[in-house]
Amino acid sequence: MNKVIYNVTVSVDEQVHLEWLAWMREVHIPDVMETGFFLAHRICRVHAFEEGGVTYAIQYVCLSQAALDEYQEKCAPALQKDHQDRFGAHTAAFRTLLEILDESERTTF
């Protein structure tokens, strides 16, 4: 059973991206992590030209596809609605699933 990364890529209007980022760090991501379905998360900024917006990739590491399926059924609708209600007019999001086939982490530099 391989871990999976649930990747949410979000383009945010430039005028609200700092407010959005603060809300993600302080409210949304802690709420997602509190569900217990994810082992870790990352916030990444996508460095590509986009007129009028800033793009982020939020990655959540999940133990299995089955656990992600359960999260999507039980928790995701309410959490996505909170995001939509607060920032929907200023964001566009799409989701992808990445299966981790192999990973390592360097412990010394």
N, C-alpha and C. Protein backbone atom coordinates (compact mmCIF):
# COMPACT_ATOMS: atom_id res chain seq x y z
N MET A 1 0.85 -1.18 0.00
CA MET A 1 0.00 0.00 0.00
C MET A 1 0.90 1.24 0.00
N ASN A 2 0.78 2.05 -1.03
CA ASN A 2 1.59 3.26 -1.15
C ASN A 2 0.87 4.48 -0.61
N LYS A 3 1.64 5.37 -0.01
CA LYS A 3 1.09 6.66 0.38
C LYS A 3 0.74 7.44 -0.87
N VAL A 4 -0.17 8.39 -0.69
CA VAL A 4 -0.56 9.24 -1.81
C VAL A 4 -0.46 10.70 -1.39
N ILE A 5 -0.26 11.55 -2.38
CA ILE A 5 -0.28 13.00 -2.16
C ILE A 5 -1.54 13.54 -2.81
N TYR A 6 -2.33 14.21 -2.02
CA TYR A 6 -3.52 14.91 -2.51
C TYR A 6 -3.08 16.34 -2.75
N ASN A 7 -2.96 16.70 -4.02
CA ASN A 7 -2.42 18.00 -4.41
C ASN A 7 -3.57 18.91 -4.86
N VAL A 8 -3.68 20.06 -4.21
CA VAL A 8 -4.69 21.04 -4.58
C VAL A 8 -3.95 22.27 -5.10
N THR A 9 -4.09 22.55 -6.40
CA THR A 9 -3.47 23.70 -7.01
C THR A 9 -4.51 24.81 -7.08
N VAL A 10 -4.15 25.98 -6.55
CA VAL A 10 -5.10 27.08 -6.45
C VAL A 10 -4.48 28.35 -7.02
N SER A 11 -5.17 28.95 -7.97
CA SER A 11 -4.80 30.26 -8.49
C SER A 11 -5.62 31.29 -7.72
N VAL A 12 -4.93 32.25 -7.12
CA VAL A 12 -5.58 33.23 -6.25
C VAL A 12 -5.36 34.62 -6.83
N ASP A 13 -6.44 35.41 -6.88
CA ASP A 13 -6.30 36.80 -7.34
C ASP A 13 -5.23 37.50 -6.52
N GLU A 14 -4.39 38.26 -7.22
CA GLU A 14 -3.25 38.91 -6.58
C GLU A 14 -3.66 39.79 -5.40
N GLN A 15 -4.78 40.49 -5.49
CA GLN A 15 -5.17 41.43 -4.43
C GLN A 15 -5.58 40.73 -3.13
N VAL A 16 -5.86 39.43 -3.15
CA VAL A 16 -6.25 38.74 -1.91
C VAL A 16 -5.33 37.59 -1.54
N HIS A 17 -4.24 37.39 -2.31
CA HIS A 17 -3.45 36.17 -2.07
C HIS A 17 -2.79 36.14 -0.69
N LEU A 18 -2.39 37.27 -0.13
CA LEU A 18 -1.78 37.25 1.21
C LEU A 18 -2.82 36.93 2.28
N GLU A 19 -4.03 37.47 2.13
CA GLU A 19 -5.12 37.13 3.06
C GLU A 19 -5.47 35.65 2.93
N TRP A 20 -5.54 35.16 1.69
CA TRP A 20 -5.83 33.75 1.45
C TRP A 20 -4.76 32.86 2.08
N LEU A 21 -3.49 33.21 1.88
CA LEU A 21 -2.39 32.41 2.41
C LEU A 21 -2.43 32.37 3.94
N ALA A 22 -2.70 33.51 4.57
CA ALA A 22 -2.81 33.54 6.04
C ALA A 22 -3.96 32.66 6.50
N TRP A 23 -5.10 32.74 5.82
CA TRP A 23 -6.25 31.92 6.20
C TRP A 23 -5.96 30.43 6.02
N MET A 24 -5.26 30.10 4.94
CA MET A 24 -4.89 28.69 4.73
C MET A 24 -4.00 28.20 5.86
N ARG A 25 -3.01 29.01 6.25
CA ARG A 25 -2.06 28.60 7.31
C ARG A 25 -2.73 28.54 8.68
N GLU A 26 -3.58 29.49 8.96
CA GLU A 26 -4.14 29.63 10.31
C GLU A 26 -5.44 28.86 10.53
N VAL A 27 -6.21 28.64 9.45
CA VAL A 27 -7.54 28.04 9.62
C VAL A 27 -7.70 26.76 8.80
N HIS A 28 -7.64 26.89 7.49
CA HIS A 28 -8.03 25.77 6.62
C HIS A 28 -7.13 24.55 6.77
N ILE A 29 -5.83 24.74 6.62
CA ILE A 29 -4.93 23.58 6.71
C ILE A 29 -4.98 22.94 8.09
N PRO A 30 -4.99 23.71 9.19
CA PRO A 30 -5.17 23.05 10.49
C PRO A 30 -6.48 22.26 10.58
N ASP A 31 -7.56 22.78 9.98
CA ASP A 31 -8.83 22.04 9.97
C ASP A 31 -8.71 20.74 9.18
N VAL A 32 -8.03 20.79 8.03
CA VAL A 32 -7.83 19.58 7.23
C VAL A 32 -6.98 18.57 7.99
N MET A 33 -5.89 19.03 8.59
CA MET A 33 -5.00 18.12 9.32
C MET A 33 -5.70 17.53 10.55
N GLU A 34 -6.59 18.29 11.14
CA GLU A 34 -7.31 17.83 12.34
C GLU A 34 -8.26 16.67 12.03
N THR A 35 -8.59 16.45 10.76
CA THR A 35 -9.46 15.32 10.41
C THR A 35 -8.80 13.99 10.71
N GLY A 36 -7.46 13.98 10.79
CA GLY A 36 -6.73 12.75 11.09
C GLY A 36 -6.42 11.89 9.88
N PHE A 37 -6.79 12.32 8.69
CA PHE A 37 -6.55 11.51 7.50
C PHE A 37 -5.19 11.74 6.86
N PHE A 38 -4.49 12.81 7.26
CA PHE A 38 -3.23 13.16 6.60
C PHE A 38 -2.06 13.11 7.56
N LEU A 39 -0.90 12.72 7.03
CA LEU A 39 0.32 12.60 7.81
C LEU A 39 1.12 13.90 7.83
N ALA A 40 1.03 14.67 6.75
CA ALA A 40 1.83 15.88 6.60
C ALA A 40 1.20 16.75 5.52
N HIS A 41 1.68 17.98 5.46
CA HIS A 41 1.25 18.88 4.39
C HIS A 41 2.42 19.78 3.98
N ARG A 42 2.29 20.36 2.80
CA ARG A 42 3.24 21.35 2.29
C ARG A 42 2.46 22.45 1.59
N ILE A 43 2.96 23.66 1.71
CA ILE A 43 2.45 24.76 0.91
C ILE A 43 3.58 25.14 -0.06
N CYS A 44 3.29 25.09 -1.34
CA CYS A 44 4.29 25.42 -2.36
C CYS A 44 3.76 26.56 -3.22
N ARG A 45 4.63 27.46 -3.58
CA ARG A 45 4.24 28.50 -4.54
C ARG A 45 4.71 28.05 -5.91
N VAL A 46 3.82 28.11 -6.86
CA VAL A 46 4.14 27.73 -8.23
C VAL A 46 4.75 28.96 -8.91
N HIS A 47 5.95 28.79 -9.42
CA HIS A 47 6.63 29.90 -10.08
C HIS A 47 6.42 29.80 -11.59
N ALA A 48 5.36 30.44 -12.02
CA ALA A 48 5.03 30.52 -13.44
C ALA A 48 4.30 31.84 -13.65
N PHE A 49 4.43 32.39 -14.82
CA PHE A 49 3.77 33.66 -15.08
C PHE A 49 2.27 33.43 -15.15
N GLU A 50 1.55 34.22 -14.39
CA GLU A 50 0.09 34.19 -14.46
C GLU A 50 -0.41 35.60 -14.26
N GLU A 51 -1.05 36.12 -15.26
CA GLU A 51 -1.51 37.50 -15.22
C GLU A 51 -2.61 37.67 -14.17
N GLY A 52 -2.35 38.56 -13.18
CA GLY A 52 -3.36 38.90 -12.19
C GLY A 52 -3.55 37.92 -11.07
N GLY A 53 -2.71 36.90 -10.97
CA GLY A 53 -2.90 35.91 -9.92
C GLY A 53 -1.60 35.32 -9.43
N VAL A 54 -1.71 34.62 -8.32
CA VAL A 54 -0.58 33.90 -7.72
C VAL A 54 -1.06 32.46 -7.55
N THR A 55 -0.22 31.50 -7.90
CA THR A 55 -0.62 30.10 -7.85
C THR A 55 0.14 29.35 -6.77
N TYR A 56 -0.60 28.54 -6.03
CA TYR A 56 -0.04 27.73 -4.96
C TYR A 56 -0.43 26.27 -5.18
N ALA A 57 0.41 25.37 -4.71
CA ALA A 57 0.08 23.95 -4.65
C ALA A 57 0.13 23.55 -3.19
N ILE A 58 -1.00 23.09 -2.69
CA ILE A 58 -1.08 22.60 -1.31
C ILE A 58 -1.08 21.08 -1.40
N GLN A 59 -0.12 20.46 -0.74
CA GLN A 59 0.02 19.01 -0.83
C GLN A 59 -0.20 18.39 0.55
N TYR A 60 -1.08 17.40 0.56
CA TYR A 60 -1.38 16.66 1.78
C TYR A 60 -0.96 15.21 1.56
N VAL A 61 -0.17 14.66 2.46
CA VAL A 61 0.28 13.28 2.36
C VAL A 61 -0.68 12.39 3.14
N CYS A 62 -1.20 11.38 2.46
CA CYS A 62 -2.19 10.47 3.05
C CYS A 62 -1.63 9.05 3.03
N LEU A 63 -1.98 8.28 4.05
CA LEU A 63 -1.43 6.94 4.18
C LEU A 63 -1.84 6.01 3.03
N SER A 64 -3.05 6.19 2.49
CA SER A 64 -3.51 5.29 1.44
C SER A 64 -4.62 5.93 0.62
N GLN A 65 -4.89 5.34 -0.52
CA GLN A 65 -6.02 5.78 -1.35
C GLN A 65 -7.34 5.59 -0.60
N ALA A 66 -7.45 4.50 0.15
CA ALA A 66 -8.69 4.25 0.90
C ALA A 66 -8.94 5.34 1.93
N ALA A 67 -7.89 5.77 2.62
CA ALA A 67 -8.04 6.84 3.61
C ALA A 67 -8.42 8.15 2.92
N LEU A 68 -7.83 8.43 1.77
CA LEU A 68 -8.19 9.64 1.03
C LEU A 68 -9.64 9.58 0.57
N ASP A 69 -10.07 8.42 0.09
CA ASP A 69 -11.47 8.27 -0.32
C ASP A 69 -12.42 8.55 0.84
N GLU A 70 -12.07 8.07 2.02
CA GLU A 70 -12.90 8.31 3.20
C GLU A 70 -12.92 9.79 3.57
N TYR A 71 -11.76 10.45 3.50
CA TYR A 71 -11.71 11.89 3.74
C TYR A 71 -12.60 12.63 2.76
N GLN A 72 -12.50 12.27 1.47
CA GLN A 72 -13.28 12.97 0.46
C GLN A 72 -14.78 12.78 0.66
N GLU A 73 -15.17 11.64 1.17
CA GLU A 73 -16.58 11.37 1.41
C GLU A 73 -17.09 12.08 2.67
N LYS A 74 -16.31 12.02 3.75
CA LYS A 74 -16.79 12.48 5.06
C LYS A 74 -16.46 13.93 5.39
N CYS A 75 -15.33 14.44 4.92
CA CYS A 75 -14.84 15.74 5.37
C CYS A 75 -14.71 16.80 4.29
N ALA A 76 -14.29 16.39 3.11
CA ALA A 76 -13.96 17.36 2.06
C ALA A 76 -15.10 18.30 1.68
N PRO A 77 -16.34 17.82 1.54
CA PRO A 77 -17.40 18.74 1.11
C PRO A 77 -17.56 19.97 2.00
N ALA A 78 -17.56 19.80 3.30
CA ALA A 78 -17.72 20.94 4.22
C ALA A 78 -16.50 21.85 4.18
N LEU A 79 -15.31 21.28 4.14
CA LEU A 79 -14.09 22.09 4.10
C LEU A 79 -13.98 22.86 2.78
N GLN A 80 -14.34 22.22 1.68
CA GLN A 80 -14.31 22.90 0.40
C GLN A 80 -15.37 24.00 0.34
N LYS A 81 -16.51 23.78 0.97
CA LYS A 81 -17.55 24.81 1.02
C LYS A 81 -17.06 26.03 1.80
N ASP A 82 -16.38 25.81 2.92
CA ASP A 82 -15.82 26.93 3.69
C ASP A 82 -14.89 27.77 2.81
N HIS A 83 -14.03 27.09 2.04
CA HIS A 83 -13.10 27.79 1.15
C HIS A 83 -13.88 28.55 0.07
N GLN A 84 -14.84 27.89 -0.52
CA GLN A 84 -15.63 28.51 -1.59
C GLN A 84 -16.40 29.73 -1.07
N ASP A 85 -17.00 29.60 0.12
CA ASP A 85 -17.76 30.71 0.69
C ASP A 85 -16.87 31.92 0.96
N ARG A 86 -15.64 31.68 1.37
CA ARG A 86 -14.75 32.78 1.74
C ARG A 86 -14.00 33.38 0.54
N PHE A 87 -13.52 32.52 -0.36
CA PHE A 87 -12.63 33.00 -1.43
C PHE A 87 -13.05 32.57 -2.84
N GLY A 88 -14.20 31.96 -2.98
CA GLY A 88 -14.60 31.37 -4.26
C GLY A 88 -14.52 32.30 -5.45
N ALA A 89 -14.91 33.54 -5.28
CA ALA A 89 -14.90 34.49 -6.39
C ALA A 89 -13.48 34.90 -6.78
N HIS A 90 -12.51 34.61 -5.91
CA HIS A 90 -11.13 35.06 -6.13
C HIS A 90 -10.16 33.91 -6.38
N THR A 91 -10.67 32.69 -6.51
CA THR A 91 -9.79 31.54 -6.69
C THR A 91 -10.33 30.59 -7.75
N ALA A 92 -9.42 29.82 -8.29
CA ALA A 92 -9.76 28.70 -9.17
C ALA A 92 -8.86 27.55 -8.73
N ALA A 93 -9.46 26.39 -8.48
CA ALA A 93 -8.69 25.27 -7.96
C ALA A 93 -8.91 24.01 -8.78
N PHE A 94 -7.88 23.17 -8.82
CA PHE A 94 -8.05 21.82 -9.34
C PHE A 94 -7.22 20.88 -8.49
N ARG A 95 -7.65 19.65 -8.46
CA ARG A 95 -7.05 18.65 -7.58
C ARG A 95 -6.45 17.52 -8.40
N THR A 96 -5.30 17.03 -7.94
CA THR A 96 -4.67 15.87 -8.56
C THR A 96 -4.23 14.92 -7.47
N LEU A 97 -4.08 13.68 -7.84
CA LEU A 97 -3.64 12.65 -6.91
C LEU A 97 -2.31 12.10 -7.41
N LEU A 98 -1.33 12.05 -6.51
CA LEU A 98 -0.02 11.52 -6.84
C LEU A 98 0.24 10.30 -5.96
N GLU A 99 0.60 9.19 -6.56
CA GLU A 99 0.96 8.00 -5.80
C GLU A 99 2.47 8.03 -5.57
N ILE A 100 2.89 7.89 -4.32
CA ILE A 100 4.31 7.87 -3.99
C ILE A 100 4.83 6.46 -4.22
N LEU A 101 5.70 6.32 -5.19
CA LEU A 101 6.28 5.01 -5.50
C LEU A 101 7.55 4.76 -4.72
N ASP A 102 8.30 5.82 -4.44
CA ASP A 102 9.56 5.71 -3.72
C ASP A 102 9.87 7.08 -3.14
N GLU A 103 10.47 7.11 -1.97
CA GLU A 103 10.87 8.38 -1.39
C GLU A 103 12.04 8.18 -0.45
N SER A 104 12.80 9.23 -0.29
CA SER A 104 13.88 9.25 0.69
C SER A 104 14.05 10.68 1.16
N GLU A 105 14.71 10.81 2.26
CA GLU A 105 14.94 12.15 2.80
C GLU A 105 16.38 12.24 3.25
N ARG A 106 17.03 13.28 2.84
CA ARG A 106 18.42 13.51 3.24
C ARG A 106 18.44 14.03 4.65
N THR A 107 19.28 13.46 5.49
CA THR A 107 19.30 13.86 6.89
C THR A 107 20.53 14.68 7.24
N THR A 108 21.53 14.73 6.37
CA THR A 108 22.72 15.55 6.63
C THR A 108 23.00 16.43 5.43
N PHE A 109 23.65 17.56 5.69
CA PHE A 109 23.98 18.50 4.61
C PHE A 109 25.44 18.83 4.64
